Amino acid sequence: MKALTKVSTGYDNMELLEVDEPVVAGDKVKVRVHFTGICGTDIHTFKGEYANAKVPLVLGHEFSGEVVEVGPEVTKVKIGDKVVSETTFNTCGECIYCQEKDYNLCGSRQGVGTQVPGSLAEYVLCREESVHKVADHVSYEAASLMEPIACCVHAALEKTTIEKDDVVLIIGPGPIGLLLAQIVKAFGATVVMSGITKDVPRLQVAKKLGIDHVVDTQTEDLEKVVMGVTNGYGADKVFDCSGVIQAVNAALPLTKKKGHFVQVGIFAERFNALDQESIVQREIEYIGCRSQKPSSWRTGLELLEAGKINVDKLITKIVSLDDWREGFEAAISGDELKVLIKS
């Protein structure tokens, strides 16, 4: 089968190779991949910046597909099912995090497309526990965004809570920010989304998705908008989806005293000069958020199947697996919102 493979470390070093199809055994499920979304992790791996990637490795972890074969221990998934899968492939099964199904925190966790072969191929292997069936009325294209949806559910509904009267500030109008904003809106909150001038097209998409207030921080006063909406108190919940420390530091003083600030975006540097004064003086709960877990997927699928999340406006380019380089170049350029690769 064809598989997009990172063949060695460093910049690029990726090839579309012919490799053996995965073989099912035990509780494993073989999925015929339909669509895979290009994630920031894939781009970091392409650029040689993702330290955890082993090589050679087939990339891809945001995907949808159809079950074509199951192992002898599989009991709940059958051939022909339309499915998505969590990225978790292996865990130790013994640590306190595994016992609580916080697989995202298991120190021995192996992920699809990061430690084991991923979905930028014709077929991918998953463990049955990670597989979720998808309703017939949800397209394969839409279903391929379930992994980022699950990450947003984890951030918005598991690392904090959303009340219908909350004012929520979301920094960064990329796919994660736009998905998270829709989840927050589904629970009745008022949303302010910020970006910079180059993000204006994305901010316009946010408006079309029903986001209440969008702010270009290079031409507008974010503080004035947030404080105006909140009677001077600040946003109840803030989600940084940018991973830009300057944006974080601008938003911390706009967080309501005793409010929650959830760090979703990943910083380019491990250590950054953080406005700790605002955290202390405003008694802000600054919360780390990593990936997703099984409960995030169940809730995310319910929202997607109920039509609470519109992903169609986020998918702006689809290319074939043969044209993977065109897709990666488009994703790296930042001119597209979400790029899918059709296997």
Protein backbone atom coordinates (compact mmCIF):
# COMPACT_ATOMS: atom_id res chain seq x y z
CA MET A 1 0.00 0.00 0.00
CA LYS A 2 1.01 3.65 -0.35
CA ALA A 3 2.14 5.35 2.86
CA LEU A 4 3.54 8.84 3.46
CA THR A 5 6.68 8.17 5.48
CA LYS A 6 9.18 10.32 7.35
CA VAL A 7 12.25 8.37 6.28
CA SER A 8 14.91 10.21 8.32
CA THR A 9 15.27 13.11 10.73
CA GLY A 10 15.71 16.70 9.59
CA TYR A 11 13.78 19.01 7.31
CA ASP A 12 11.41 17.26 4.86
CA ASN A 13 12.93 13.79 4.24
CA MET A 14 9.43 12.49 3.50
CA GLU A 15 8.50 10.04 0.76
CA LEU A 16 5.39 8.28 -0.48
CA LEU A 17 6.49 4.65 -0.27
CA GLU A 18 5.05 1.24 -1.03
CA VAL A 19 4.87 -0.66 2.27
CA ASP A 20 3.18 -3.81 3.52
CA GLU A 21 -0.44 -3.52 4.62
CA PRO A 22 -0.89 -3.79 8.41
CA VAL A 23 -1.84 -7.24 9.73
CA VAL A 24 -4.62 -7.61 12.30
CA ALA A 25 -4.19 -9.65 15.49
CA GLY A 26 -5.71 -9.68 18.95
CA ASP A 27 -7.89 -6.60 19.55
CA LYS A 28 -6.67 -4.69 16.50
CA VAL A 29 -8.91 -3.17 13.84
CA LYS A 30 -7.81 -2.52 10.25
CA VAL A 31 -9.29 0.66 8.80
CA ARG A 32 -9.42 1.69 5.15
CA VAL A 33 -8.56 5.36 5.48
CA HIS A 34 -10.79 7.86 3.68
CA PHE A 35 -9.47 11.23 4.87
CA THR A 36 -6.65 12.48 7.09
CA GLY A 37 -6.27 16.03 8.33
CA ILE A 38 -2.83 17.62 8.35
CA CYS A 39 -2.09 18.58 11.95
CA GLY A 40 0.45 20.98 13.42
CA THR A 41 2.33 17.94 14.72
CA ASP A 42 2.68 16.63 11.17
CA ILE A 43 4.06 20.00 10.06
CA HIS A 44 6.54 20.05 12.95
CA THR A 45 7.63 16.54 11.96
CA PHE A 46 8.00 17.62 8.32
CA LYS A 47 10.23 20.49 9.47
CA GLY A 48 12.29 18.20 11.71
CA GLU A 49 11.15 20.03 14.85
CA TYR A 50 9.20 17.23 16.55
CA ALA A 51 11.70 15.48 18.82
CA ASN A 52 9.53 12.47 19.69
CA ALA A 53 9.05 11.24 16.13
CA LYS A 54 10.93 8.04 15.37
CA VAL A 55 11.92 7.22 11.83
CA PRO A 56 11.01 5.69 9.53
CA LEU A 57 7.40 6.46 10.48
CA VAL A 58 4.11 6.75 8.61
CA LEU A 59 2.53 10.05 9.70
CA GLY A 60 -1.13 11.01 10.24
CA HIS A 61 -3.50 10.78 13.20
CA GLU A 62 -6.62 12.86 12.39
CA PHE A 63 -8.61 10.44 10.24
CA SER A 64 -11.84 8.74 9.29
CA GLY A 65 -12.37 5.46 7.50
CA GLU A 66 -14.15 2.14 7.13
CA VAL A 67 -13.39 -1.09 8.98
CA VAL A 68 -12.19 -3.78 6.58
CA GLU A 69 -10.82 -6.42 8.96
CA VAL A 70 -10.85 -7.18 12.69
CA GLY A 71 -8.74 -9.30 15.02
CA PRO A 72 -10.10 -12.38 16.82
CA GLU A 73 -10.53 -10.51 20.13
CA VAL A 74 -12.63 -7.70 18.63
CA THR A 75 -16.26 -7.84 19.79
CA LYS A 76 -17.89 -4.42 19.28
CA VAL A 77 -16.58 -3.28 15.91
CA LYS A 78 -17.48 -5.01 12.65
CA ILE A 79 -16.44 -4.90 9.01
CA GLY A 80 -18.18 -2.05 7.19
CA ASP A 81 -18.47 0.30 10.18
CA LYS A 82 -17.76 3.98 9.54
CA VAL A 83 -15.26 4.91 12.25
CA VAL A 84 -12.79 7.34 13.73
CA SER A 85 -10.12 6.45 16.23
CA GLU A 86 -8.40 7.98 19.21
CA THR A 87 -4.68 8.40 18.68
CA THR A 88 -3.85 6.07 21.58
CA PHE A 89 -2.48 2.75 20.32
CA ASN A 90 -0.68 1.36 23.38
CA THR A 91 -0.50 2.26 27.08
CA CYS A 92 0.98 0.52 30.10
CA GLY A 93 -2.52 -0.19 31.44
CA GLU A 94 -1.23 -0.13 35.00
CA CYS A 95 -0.39 3.44 36.05
CA ILE A 96 -2.88 5.61 37.94
CA TYR A 97 -3.56 7.56 34.74
CA CYS A 98 -4.49 4.44 32.78
CA GLN A 99 -6.73 3.29 35.63
CA GLU A 100 -8.65 6.57 35.29
CA LYS A 101 -8.54 6.35 31.46
CA ASP A 102 -6.40 9.48 31.31
CA TYR A 103 -4.41 7.79 28.56
CA ASN A 104 -3.06 11.15 27.41
CA LEU A 105 -0.94 11.23 30.60
CA CYS A 106 0.43 7.66 30.55
CA GLY A 107 4.22 7.79 30.42
CA SER A 108 4.35 4.67 28.23
CA ARG A 109 1.69 5.76 25.77
CA GLN A 110 2.28 5.16 22.06
CA GLY A 111 0.30 7.20 19.57
CA VAL A 112 -0.87 6.56 16.01
CA GLY A 113 1.28 8.58 13.63
CA THR A 114 3.80 9.58 16.31
CA GLN A 115 5.18 6.29 17.62
CA VAL A 116 3.35 3.70 15.52
CA PRO A 117 2.33 3.86 11.82
CA GLY A 118 -0.29 6.50 11.12
CA SER A 119 -3.16 7.21 8.76
CA LEU A 120 -1.46 8.97 5.84
CA ALA A 121 -1.72 5.65 4.07
CA GLU A 122 -4.33 3.43 2.48
CA TYR A 123 -4.83 1.46 5.70
CA VAL A 124 -4.14 2.04 9.39
CA LEU A 125 -4.25 -0.27 12.41
CA CYS A 126 -6.05 0.77 15.64
CA ARG A 127 -6.88 -0.90 18.92
CA GLU A 128 -10.58 -1.63 19.39
CA GLU A 129 -10.87 0.40 22.60
CA SER A 130 -9.83 3.52 20.68
CA VAL A 131 -12.31 3.06 17.81
CA HIS A 132 -15.61 4.99 17.72
CA LYS A 133 -18.45 4.38 15.30
CA VAL A 134 -19.79 7.40 13.42
CA ALA A 135 -23.41 8.07 12.47
CA ASP A 136 -24.32 7.58 8.81
CA HIS A 137 -25.35 11.21 8.30
CA VAL A 138 -21.85 12.50 9.22
CA SER A 139 -19.56 12.64 6.19
CA TYR A 140 -16.13 11.03 6.18
CA GLU A 141 -14.69 14.51 5.59
CA ALA A 142 -16.37 15.91 8.70
CA ALA A 143 -15.51 12.84 10.78
CA SER A 144 -11.81 13.27 10.02
CA LEU A 145 -11.84 16.35 12.27
CA MET A 146 -12.89 14.35 15.32
CA GLU A 147 -9.41 14.31 16.85
CA PRO A 148 -9.11 18.13 17.05
CA ILE A 149 -12.77 18.28 18.17
CA ALA A 150 -11.93 15.89 21.01
CA CYS A 151 -8.95 18.06 22.00
CA CYS A 152 -11.28 21.07 22.17
CA VAL A 153 -13.85 19.17 24.23
CA HIS A 154 -11.11 18.20 26.67
CA ALA A 155 -10.05 21.85 26.99
CA ALA A 156 -13.51 23.41 27.26
CA LEU A 157 -15.54 20.82 29.13
CA GLU A 158 -13.04 18.69 31.07
CA LYS A 159 -10.28 21.08 32.11
CA THR A 160 -12.90 23.70 33.02
CA THR A 161 -16.68 24.11 32.66
CA ILE A 162 -18.78 26.45 30.54
CA GLU A 163 -21.84 28.19 31.96
CA LYS A 164 -24.43 29.80 29.70
CA ASP A 165 -23.72 33.30 31.06
CA ASP A 166 -19.93 33.02 30.68
CA VAL A 167 -17.96 35.41 28.53
CA VAL A 168 -15.15 33.43 26.92
CA LEU A 169 -12.05 34.84 25.24
CA ILE A 170 -10.39 32.59 22.65
CA ILE A 171 -6.98 33.58 21.34
CA GLY A 172 -6.12 32.35 17.85
CA PRO A 173 -8.63 31.72 15.02
CA GLY A 174 -7.02 28.56 13.65
CA PRO A 175 -8.90 25.24 13.34
CA ILE A 176 -8.57 24.53 17.07
CA GLY A 177 -9.77 27.99 18.06
CA LEU A 178 -12.71 27.87 15.65
CA LEU A 179 -13.76 24.40 16.81
CA LEU A 180 -13.41 25.33 20.47
CA ALA A 181 -15.44 28.49 19.93
CA GLN A 182 -18.33 26.45 18.51
CA ILE A 183 -18.26 24.04 21.45
CA VAL A 184 -18.34 26.96 23.89
CA LYS A 185 -21.21 28.56 21.96
CA ALA A 186 -23.12 25.27 22.08
CA PHE A 187 -23.24 25.67 25.86
CA GLY A 188 -24.61 29.20 25.66
CA ALA A 189 -21.54 31.32 26.34
CA THR A 190 -20.68 34.64 24.68
CA VAL A 191 -17.42 34.38 22.73
CA VAL A 192 -14.76 36.97 21.94
CA MET A 193 -12.17 35.68 19.46
CA SER A 194 -8.88 37.49 18.83
CA GLY A 195 -6.27 37.27 16.11
CA ILE A 196 -3.88 39.50 14.22
CA THR A 197 -4.26 41.24 10.86
CA LYS A 198 -3.12 38.23 8.81
CA ASP A 199 -5.91 36.27 10.54
CA VAL A 200 -8.68 38.55 9.24
CA PRO A 201 -10.00 35.94 6.74
CA ARG A 202 -10.21 33.44 9.60
CA LEU A 203 -11.91 35.99 11.83
CA GLN A 204 -14.46 36.46 9.06
CA VAL A 205 -15.08 32.70 9.11
CA ALA A 206 -15.60 32.99 12.87
CA LYS A 207 -18.30 35.60 12.30
CA LYS A 208 -20.03 33.30 9.79
CA LEU A 209 -19.94 30.55 12.42
CA GLY A 210 -21.83 32.81 14.84
CA ILE A 211 -18.98 33.99 17.05
CA ASP A 212 -20.19 37.09 18.90
CA HIS A 213 -17.15 39.37 18.75
CA VAL A 214 -13.97 39.13 16.64
CA VAL A 215 -10.98 41.38 17.24
CA ASP A 216 -7.89 42.13 15.14
CA THR A 217 -5.54 43.03 17.97
CA GLN A 218 -3.25 44.97 15.63
CA THR A 219 -5.97 47.44 14.67
CA GLU A 220 -8.47 47.15 17.53
CA ASP A 221 -8.32 47.38 21.34
CA LEU A 222 -8.90 43.89 22.75
CA GLU A 223 -9.03 45.19 26.31
CA LYS A 224 -11.78 47.66 25.42
CA VAL A 225 -13.87 44.93 23.79
CA VAL A 226 -13.46 42.37 26.59
CA MET A 227 -13.99 44.83 29.41
CA GLY A 228 -16.96 46.35 27.60
CA VAL A 229 -18.67 42.98 27.27
CA THR A 230 -17.95 42.02 30.89
CA ASN A 231 -18.74 45.29 32.72
CA GLY A 232 -15.05 45.69 33.48
CA TYR A 233 -14.60 42.32 35.20
CA GLY A 234 -12.80 40.40 32.44
CA ALA A 235 -13.52 37.12 30.69
CA ASP A 236 -14.74 34.24 32.84
CA LYS A 237 -12.74 31.72 30.82
CA VAL A 238 -9.81 32.28 28.46
CA PHE A 239 -8.37 29.72 26.04
CA ASP A 240 -5.06 30.36 24.33
CA CYS A 241 -4.96 28.46 21.04
CA SER A 242 -2.03 30.43 19.61
CA GLY A 243 0.99 29.29 21.61
CA VAL A 244 2.30 32.86 21.37
CA ILE A 245 3.55 34.16 24.72
CA GLN A 246 2.90 37.81 23.84
CA ALA A 247 -0.76 36.99 23.21
CA VAL A 248 -0.98 35.06 26.47
CA ASN A 249 0.50 37.94 28.45
CA ALA A 250 -1.91 40.39 26.81
CA ALA A 251 -4.86 38.18 27.78
CA LEU A 252 -3.98 37.34 31.38
CA PRO A 253 -4.95 40.83 32.68
CA LEU A 254 -8.23 40.48 30.75
CA THR A 255 -9.13 37.33 32.69
CA LYS A 256 -11.71 37.79 35.43
CA LYS A 257 -10.43 37.55 38.99
CA LYS A 258 -10.76 33.90 40.03
CA GLY A 259 -11.25 33.08 36.34
CA HIS A 260 -9.81 30.13 34.40
CA PHE A 261 -7.08 30.42 31.76
CA VAL A 262 -6.59 27.19 29.77
CA GLN A 263 -3.35 26.78 27.83
CA VAL A 264 -4.24 24.82 24.69
CA GLY A 265 -1.61 26.11 22.24
CA ILE A 266 1.94 24.76 22.38
CA PHE A 267 4.75 27.29 22.72
CA ALA A 268 7.74 27.23 20.37
CA GLU A 269 10.06 27.46 23.40
CA ARG A 270 9.84 25.39 26.57
CA PHE A 271 10.55 28.38 28.84
CA ASN A 272 8.80 31.74 28.39
CA ALA A 273 8.47 35.00 30.33
CA LEU A 274 4.94 34.62 31.71
CA ASP A 275 2.94 37.38 33.39
CA GLN A 276 2.84 35.62 36.74
CA GLU A 277 1.85 38.85 38.47
CA SER A 278 -1.59 38.76 36.84
CA ILE A 279 -2.00 35.09 37.76
CA VAL A 280 -1.21 35.79 41.41
CA GLN A 281 -2.97 39.12 41.90
CA ARG A 282 -6.12 38.09 40.03
CA GLU A 283 -6.11 34.57 41.55
CA ILE A 284 -6.36 33.09 38.08
CA GLU A 285 -6.36 29.31 37.67
CA TYR A 286 -3.81 28.74 34.88
CA ILE A 287 -4.54 25.26 33.52
CA GLY A 288 -2.45 23.01 31.30
CA CYS A 289 -4.28 20.96 28.68
CA ARG A 290 -2.80 18.01 26.78
CA SER A 291 -4.50 16.27 23.88
CA GLN A 292 -7.69 14.31 24.68
CA LYS A 293 -9.01 11.14 26.34
CA PRO A 294 -11.85 8.66 25.67
CA SER A 295 -14.56 10.78 27.30
CA SER A 296 -13.55 13.72 25.09
CA TRP A 297 -14.31 11.63 21.99
CA ARG A 298 -17.71 10.49 23.20
CA THR A 299 -18.84 14.04 23.96
CA GLY A 300 -17.30 15.39 20.76
CA LEU A 301 -19.11 12.82 18.62
CA GLU A 302 -22.41 13.69 20.29
CA LEU A 303 -21.88 17.37 19.46
CA LEU A 304 -20.82 16.65 15.88
CA GLU A 305 -23.69 14.24 15.21
CA ALA A 306 -26.18 16.70 16.72
CA GLY A 307 -25.03 19.42 14.32
CA LYS A 308 -23.60 21.63 17.06
CA ILE A 309 -20.23 21.88 15.26
CA ASN A 310 -19.91 23.08 11.67
CA VAL A 311 -16.70 21.73 10.15
CA ASP A 312 -17.54 22.32 6.50
CA LYS A 313 -16.39 25.95 6.66
CA LEU A 314 -13.05 24.83 8.14
CA ILE A 315 -12.13 22.34 5.40
CA THR A 316 -10.65 24.57 2.72
CA LYS A 317 -8.50 22.19 0.67
CA ILE A 318 -8.51 18.46 -0.16
CA VAL A 319 -5.73 16.71 -2.07
CA SER A 320 -5.00 13.09 -2.93
CA LEU A 321 -2.35 11.04 -1.18
CA ASP A 322 -0.30 11.22 -4.38
CA ASP A 323 -0.40 15.02 -4.09
CA TRP A 324 0.56 15.06 -0.40
CA ARG A 325 3.33 17.62 -0.92
CA GLU A 326 0.85 20.14 -2.33
CA GLY A 327 -1.26 19.61 0.78
CA PHE A 328 1.64 20.06 3.19
CA GLU A 329 2.84 23.19 1.40
CA ALA A 330 -0.66 24.65 1.64
CA ALA A 331 -0.89 23.83 5.34
CA ILE A 332 2.55 25.28 6.05
CA SER A 333 1.76 28.50 4.16
CA GLY A 334 -1.07 29.29 6.55
CA ASP A 335 -3.33 30.30 3.65
CA GLU A 336 -5.71 27.39 4.31
CA LEU A 337 -7.67 26.55 7.42
CA LYS A 338 -7.84 22.74 7.35
CA VAL A 339 -6.20 20.62 4.65
CA LEU A 340 -7.37 17.02 4.18
CA ILE A 341 -5.55 14.26 2.33
CA LYS A 342 -7.75 11.67 0.62
CA SER A 343 -6.26 8.18 0.71
